[in-house]
C-alpha cells in the first residue's frame, strides 16, 4: 500500500471507531434502519430493504450533500458508507450462495 492509501485507511478507521463509540455497530444499526425504512416506505416497496441498501441510501445522502458545497466530512463518510455497503452486500451474497 502507498502512504496515501495507508493514511486514508487510518482516517476512515478513526472515523468509524469514533462513530461506533457514539452510535454502536454499523452492521446492527443498518439492519435496524433497513427495517425502519421498510416500514416507512411499506406502501411504496415490493420487497424489504436490506442492510447494504441502507449504505446505498446513506451514500446518496452524502453525495447529495457534497453537491451543496465542499465539506471534507461528506467525502470521508461517502467512502466509509461505500466500504460498509460493500462488506454487508458481500455477506448477503455469500449467505445466498450457501443456501
N, C-alpha and C. Protein backbone atom coordinates (compact mmCIF):
# COMPACT_ATOMS: atom_id res chain seq x y z
N UNK A 1 0.84 -1.20 0.00
CA UNK A 1 0.00 0.00 0.00
C UNK A 1 0.87 1.24 0.00
N UNK A 2 0.36 2.28 -0.59
CA UNK A 2 1.08 3.54 -0.61
C UNK A 2 0.83 4.30 0.69
N UNK A 3 1.66 5.29 0.94
CA UNK A 3 1.50 6.11 2.15
C UNK A 3 0.15 6.81 2.16
N UNK A 4 -0.31 7.26 0.97
CA UNK A 4 -1.61 7.94 0.89
C UNK A 4 -2.74 6.97 1.19
N UNK A 5 -2.65 5.76 0.66
CA UNK A 5 -3.67 4.75 0.93
C UNK A 5 -3.69 4.38 2.41
N UNK A 6 -2.50 4.24 2.99
CA UNK A 6 -2.43 3.94 4.43
C UNK A 6 -3.04 5.06 5.26
N UNK A 7 -2.74 6.30 4.90
CA UNK A 7 -3.28 7.45 5.62
C UNK A 7 -4.80 7.51 5.47
N UNK A 8 -5.28 7.28 4.26
CA UNK A 8 -6.73 7.28 4.02
C UNK A 8 -7.42 6.21 4.86
N UNK A 9 -6.83 5.02 4.93
CA UNK A 9 -7.40 3.94 5.73
C UNK A 9 -7.40 4.31 7.21
N UNK A 10 -6.33 4.92 7.69
CA UNK A 10 -6.26 5.33 9.10
C UNK A 10 -7.33 6.37 9.41
N UNK A 11 -7.53 7.31 8.51
CA UNK A 11 -8.56 8.33 8.72
C UNK A 11 -9.93 7.68 8.78
N UNK A 12 -10.22 6.80 7.81
CA UNK A 12 -11.53 6.14 7.80
C UNK A 12 -11.73 5.26 9.04
N UNK A 13 -10.69 4.52 9.41
CA UNK A 13 -10.79 3.66 10.60
C UNK A 13 -11.06 4.50 11.85
N UNK A 14 -10.42 5.64 11.95
CA UNK A 14 -10.62 6.54 13.10
C UNK A 14 -12.05 7.07 13.14
N UNK A 15 -12.56 7.46 11.97
CA UNK A 15 -13.93 7.96 11.89
C UNK A 15 -14.91 6.87 12.28
N UNK A 16 -14.73 5.67 11.75
CA UNK A 16 -15.63 4.55 12.07
C UNK A 16 -15.58 4.25 13.56
N UNK A 17 -14.39 4.23 14.12
CA UNK A 17 -14.23 3.95 15.55
C UNK A 17 -14.96 5.01 16.40
N UNK A 18 -14.79 6.27 16.05
CA UNK A 18 -15.49 7.35 16.77
C UNK A 18 -16.99 7.22 16.66
N UNK A 19 -17.47 6.93 15.46
CA UNK A 19 -18.92 6.82 15.25
C UNK A 19 -19.48 5.61 15.98
N UNK A 20 -18.72 4.52 16.02
CA UNK A 20 -19.21 3.34 16.73
C UNK A 20 -19.27 3.58 18.23
N UNK A 21 -18.38 4.40 18.75
CA UNK A 21 -18.46 4.75 20.17
C UNK A 21 -19.75 5.52 20.44
N UNK A 22 -20.11 6.39 19.53
CA UNK A 22 -21.31 7.21 19.71
C UNK A 22 -22.60 6.47 19.36
N UNK A 23 -22.57 5.67 18.30
CA UNK A 23 -23.82 5.10 17.76
C UNK A 23 -23.91 3.59 17.76
N UNK A 24 -22.82 2.89 18.05
CA UNK A 24 -22.84 1.43 18.06
C UNK A 24 -22.40 0.84 16.73
N UNK A 25 -22.49 -0.46 16.64
CA UNK A 25 -22.04 -1.23 15.48
C UNK A 25 -22.87 -0.91 14.24
N UNK A 26 -22.20 -0.55 13.15
CA UNK A 26 -22.92 -0.16 11.94
C UNK A 26 -23.72 -1.31 11.35
N UNK A 27 -23.23 -2.54 11.44
CA UNK A 27 -23.97 -3.66 10.86
C UNK A 27 -25.31 -3.84 11.57
N UNK A 28 -25.29 -3.75 12.87
CA UNK A 28 -26.52 -3.84 13.66
C UNK A 28 -27.44 -2.65 13.32
N UNK A 29 -26.87 -1.46 13.29
CA UNK A 29 -27.66 -0.26 13.00
C UNK A 29 -28.27 -0.29 11.61
N UNK A 30 -27.50 -0.74 10.62
CA UNK A 30 -28.03 -0.79 9.25
C UNK A 30 -29.17 -1.81 9.17
N UNK A 31 -29.08 -2.89 9.93
CA UNK A 31 -30.16 -3.89 9.95
C UNK A 31 -31.43 -3.27 10.53
N UNK A 32 -31.29 -2.53 11.62
CA UNK A 32 -32.45 -1.86 12.22
C UNK A 32 -32.99 -0.78 11.28
N UNK A 33 -32.10 0.01 10.69
CA UNK A 33 -32.53 1.05 9.75
C UNK A 33 -33.24 0.45 8.54
N UNK A 34 -32.77 -0.69 8.07
CA UNK A 34 -33.43 -1.36 6.94
C UNK A 34 -34.88 -1.67 7.30
N UNK A 35 -35.10 -2.16 8.52
CA UNK A 35 -36.46 -2.44 8.97
C UNK A 35 -37.28 -1.15 9.06
N UNK A 36 -36.68 -0.10 9.60
CA UNK A 36 -37.40 1.17 9.74
C UNK A 36 -37.74 1.76 8.37
N UNK A 37 -36.76 1.76 7.44
CA UNK A 37 -37.02 2.27 6.10
C UNK A 37 -38.10 1.45 5.41
N UNK A 38 -38.07 0.14 5.61
CA UNK A 38 -39.09 -0.73 5.03
C UNK A 38 -40.47 -0.36 5.57
N UNK A 39 -40.57 -0.12 6.87
CA UNK A 39 -41.85 0.26 7.46
C UNK A 39 -42.33 1.61 6.94
N UNK A 40 -41.43 2.57 6.89
CA UNK A 40 -41.80 3.92 6.43
C UNK A 40 -42.24 3.88 4.96
N UNK A 41 -41.56 3.09 4.16
CA UNK A 41 -41.83 3.03 2.72
C UNK A 41 -42.71 1.85 2.32
N UNK A 42 -43.34 1.22 3.29
CA UNK A 42 -44.08 -0.02 3.08
C UNK A 42 -45.00 0.03 1.86
N UNK A 43 -45.80 1.06 1.74
CA UNK A 43 -46.76 1.14 0.64
C UNK A 43 -46.11 1.35 -0.72
N UNK A 44 -44.85 1.74 -0.74
CA UNK A 44 -44.16 2.01 -1.99
C UNK A 44 -43.20 0.90 -2.41
N UNK A 45 -42.97 -0.05 -1.53
CA UNK A 45 -41.98 -1.09 -1.79
C UNK A 45 -42.61 -2.41 -2.21
N UNK A 46 -41.87 -3.16 -3.02
CA UNK A 46 -42.28 -4.51 -3.36
C UNK A 46 -41.54 -5.53 -2.51
N UNK A 47 -40.36 -5.14 -1.99
CA UNK A 47 -39.54 -6.03 -1.16
C UNK A 47 -38.99 -5.24 0.02
N UNK A 48 -38.47 -5.97 0.99
CA UNK A 48 -37.84 -5.36 2.16
C UNK A 48 -36.50 -4.74 1.76
N UNK A 49 -36.12 -3.68 2.44
CA UNK A 49 -34.82 -3.07 2.25
C UNK A 49 -33.80 -3.89 3.03
N UNK A 50 -32.65 -4.14 2.41
CA UNK A 50 -31.59 -4.92 3.04
C UNK A 50 -30.57 -3.97 3.66
N UNK A 51 -29.82 -4.46 4.65
CA UNK A 51 -28.84 -3.60 5.32
C UNK A 51 -27.86 -2.91 4.36
N UNK A 52 -27.38 -3.63 3.33
CA UNK A 52 -26.43 -2.97 2.42
C UNK A 52 -27.10 -1.85 1.63
N UNK A 53 -28.41 -1.94 1.43
CA UNK A 53 -29.12 -0.87 0.74
C UNK A 53 -29.22 0.38 1.61
N UNK A 54 -29.18 0.22 2.92
CA UNK A 54 -29.10 1.37 3.81
C UNK A 54 -27.81 2.12 3.50
N UNK A 55 -26.72 1.39 3.28
CA UNK A 55 -25.46 2.01 2.87
C UNK A 55 -25.62 2.79 1.59
N UNK A 56 -26.37 2.25 0.64
CA UNK A 56 -26.62 2.95 -0.63
C UNK A 56 -27.38 4.26 -0.38
N UNK A 57 -28.36 4.20 0.49
CA UNK A 57 -29.15 5.39 0.82
C UNK A 57 -28.26 6.44 1.49
N UNK A 58 -27.42 5.99 2.42
CA UNK A 58 -26.53 6.92 3.11
C UNK A 58 -25.52 7.53 2.14
N UNK A 59 -25.04 6.73 1.17
CA UNK A 59 -24.14 7.27 0.16
C UNK A 59 -24.85 8.33 -0.69
N UNK A 60 -26.10 8.06 -1.03
CA UNK A 60 -26.86 9.04 -1.81
C UNK A 60 -26.99 10.35 -1.04
N UNK A 61 -27.26 10.25 0.25
CA UNK A 61 -27.37 11.45 1.08
C UNK A 61 -26.05 12.22 1.09
N UNK A 62 -24.94 11.53 1.30
CA UNK A 62 -23.65 12.20 1.34
C UNK A 62 -23.27 12.77 -0.03
N UNK A 63 -23.60 12.04 -1.09
CA UNK A 63 -23.31 12.55 -2.43
C UNK A 63 -24.12 13.82 -2.69
N UNK A 64 -25.38 13.80 -2.32
CA UNK A 64 -26.22 14.99 -2.47
C UNK A 64 -25.64 16.16 -1.68
N UNK A 65 -25.26 15.91 -0.43
CA UNK A 65 -24.70 16.98 0.39
C UNK A 65 -23.43 17.55 -0.23
N UNK A 66 -22.64 16.69 -0.88
CA UNK A 66 -21.39 17.18 -1.48
C UNK A 66 -21.65 18.10 -2.67
N UNK A 67 -22.85 18.02 -3.25
CA UNK A 67 -23.18 18.93 -4.36
C UNK A 67 -23.57 20.31 -3.85
N UNK A 68 -23.78 20.43 -2.56
CA UNK A 68 -24.21 21.69 -1.96
C UNK A 68 -23.05 22.53 -1.44
N UNK A 69 -21.85 22.04 -1.64
CA UNK A 69 -20.67 22.75 -1.17
C UNK A 69 -19.67 21.78 -0.61
N UNK A 70 -18.43 22.20 -0.59
CA UNK A 70 -17.36 21.32 -0.12
C UNK A 70 -17.35 21.21 1.39
N UNK A 71 -17.35 19.98 1.85
CA UNK A 71 -17.13 19.66 3.25
C UNK A 71 -16.46 18.29 3.25
N UNK A 72 -15.22 18.24 3.71
CA UNK A 72 -14.43 17.01 3.65
C UNK A 72 -15.17 15.84 4.29
N UNK A 73 -15.89 16.09 5.36
CA UNK A 73 -16.62 15.05 6.08
C UNK A 73 -17.57 14.28 5.16
N UNK A 74 -18.22 14.99 4.24
CA UNK A 74 -19.14 14.31 3.32
C UNK A 74 -18.41 13.29 2.45
N UNK A 75 -17.22 13.64 2.00
CA UNK A 75 -16.46 12.72 1.16
C UNK A 75 -15.90 11.55 1.96
N UNK A 76 -15.44 11.81 3.17
CA UNK A 76 -14.96 10.72 4.02
C UNK A 76 -16.12 9.77 4.33
N UNK A 77 -17.26 10.33 4.71
CA UNK A 77 -18.43 9.49 5.03
C UNK A 77 -18.89 8.70 3.82
N UNK A 78 -18.89 9.32 2.65
CA UNK A 78 -19.29 8.63 1.42
C UNK A 78 -18.41 7.41 1.20
N UNK A 79 -17.12 7.58 1.38
CA UNK A 79 -16.18 6.48 1.21
C UNK A 79 -16.40 5.39 2.26
N UNK A 80 -16.64 5.80 3.49
CA UNK A 80 -16.88 4.84 4.58
C UNK A 80 -18.17 4.08 4.34
N UNK A 81 -19.24 4.77 3.96
CA UNK A 81 -20.50 4.08 3.68
C UNK A 81 -20.34 3.11 2.52
N UNK A 82 -19.51 3.46 1.54
CA UNK A 82 -19.24 2.55 0.44
C UNK A 82 -18.59 1.27 0.96
N UNK A 83 -17.59 1.41 1.84
CA UNK A 83 -16.92 0.23 2.41
C UNK A 83 -17.90 -0.62 3.21
N UNK A 84 -18.75 0.04 3.98
CA UNK A 84 -19.73 -0.69 4.80
C UNK A 84 -20.74 -1.44 3.92
N UNK A 85 -21.25 -0.76 2.90
CA UNK A 85 -22.21 -1.39 2.00
C UNK A 85 -21.56 -2.57 1.27
N UNK A 86 -20.31 -2.38 0.87
CA UNK A 86 -19.57 -3.45 0.20
C UNK A 86 -19.51 -4.70 1.07
N UNK A 87 -19.11 -4.53 2.33
CA UNK A 87 -18.99 -5.66 3.25
C UNK A 87 -20.33 -6.33 3.51
N UNK A 88 -21.37 -5.54 3.74
CA UNK A 88 -22.69 -6.10 4.01
C UNK A 88 -23.26 -6.80 2.77
N UNK A 89 -23.06 -6.23 1.61
CA UNK A 89 -23.57 -6.84 0.38
C UNK A 89 -22.83 -8.16 0.10
N UNK A 90 -21.52 -8.15 0.33
CA UNK A 90 -20.72 -9.36 0.15
C UNK A 90 -21.23 -10.47 1.07
N UNK A 91 -21.54 -10.14 2.33
CA UNK A 91 -22.07 -11.12 3.27
C UNK A 91 -23.43 -11.64 2.82
N UNK A 92 -24.26 -10.75 2.30
CA UNK A 92 -25.59 -11.14 1.83
C UNK A 92 -25.49 -12.12 0.66
N UNK A 93 -24.60 -11.85 -0.27
CA UNK A 93 -24.41 -12.73 -1.42
C UNK A 93 -23.83 -14.07 -0.97
N UNK A 94 -22.87 -14.04 -0.05
CA UNK A 94 -22.27 -15.28 0.46
C UNK A 94 -23.31 -16.13 1.18
N UNK A 95 -24.21 -15.47 1.92
CA UNK A 95 -25.26 -16.19 2.62
C UNK A 95 -26.19 -16.89 1.62
N UNK A 96 -26.52 -16.22 0.53
CA UNK A 96 -27.38 -16.81 -0.50
C UNK A 96 -26.68 -17.97 -1.20
N UNK A 97 -25.37 -17.85 -1.40
CA UNK A 97 -24.62 -18.91 -2.07
C UNK A 97 -24.58 -20.19 -1.24
N UNK A 98 -24.67 -20.06 0.09
CA UNK A 98 -24.64 -21.23 0.97
C UNK A 98 -25.97 -21.97 0.98
N UNK A 99 -27.03 -21.28 0.61
CA UNK A 99 -28.37 -21.90 0.65
C UNK A 99 -28.58 -22.82 -0.51
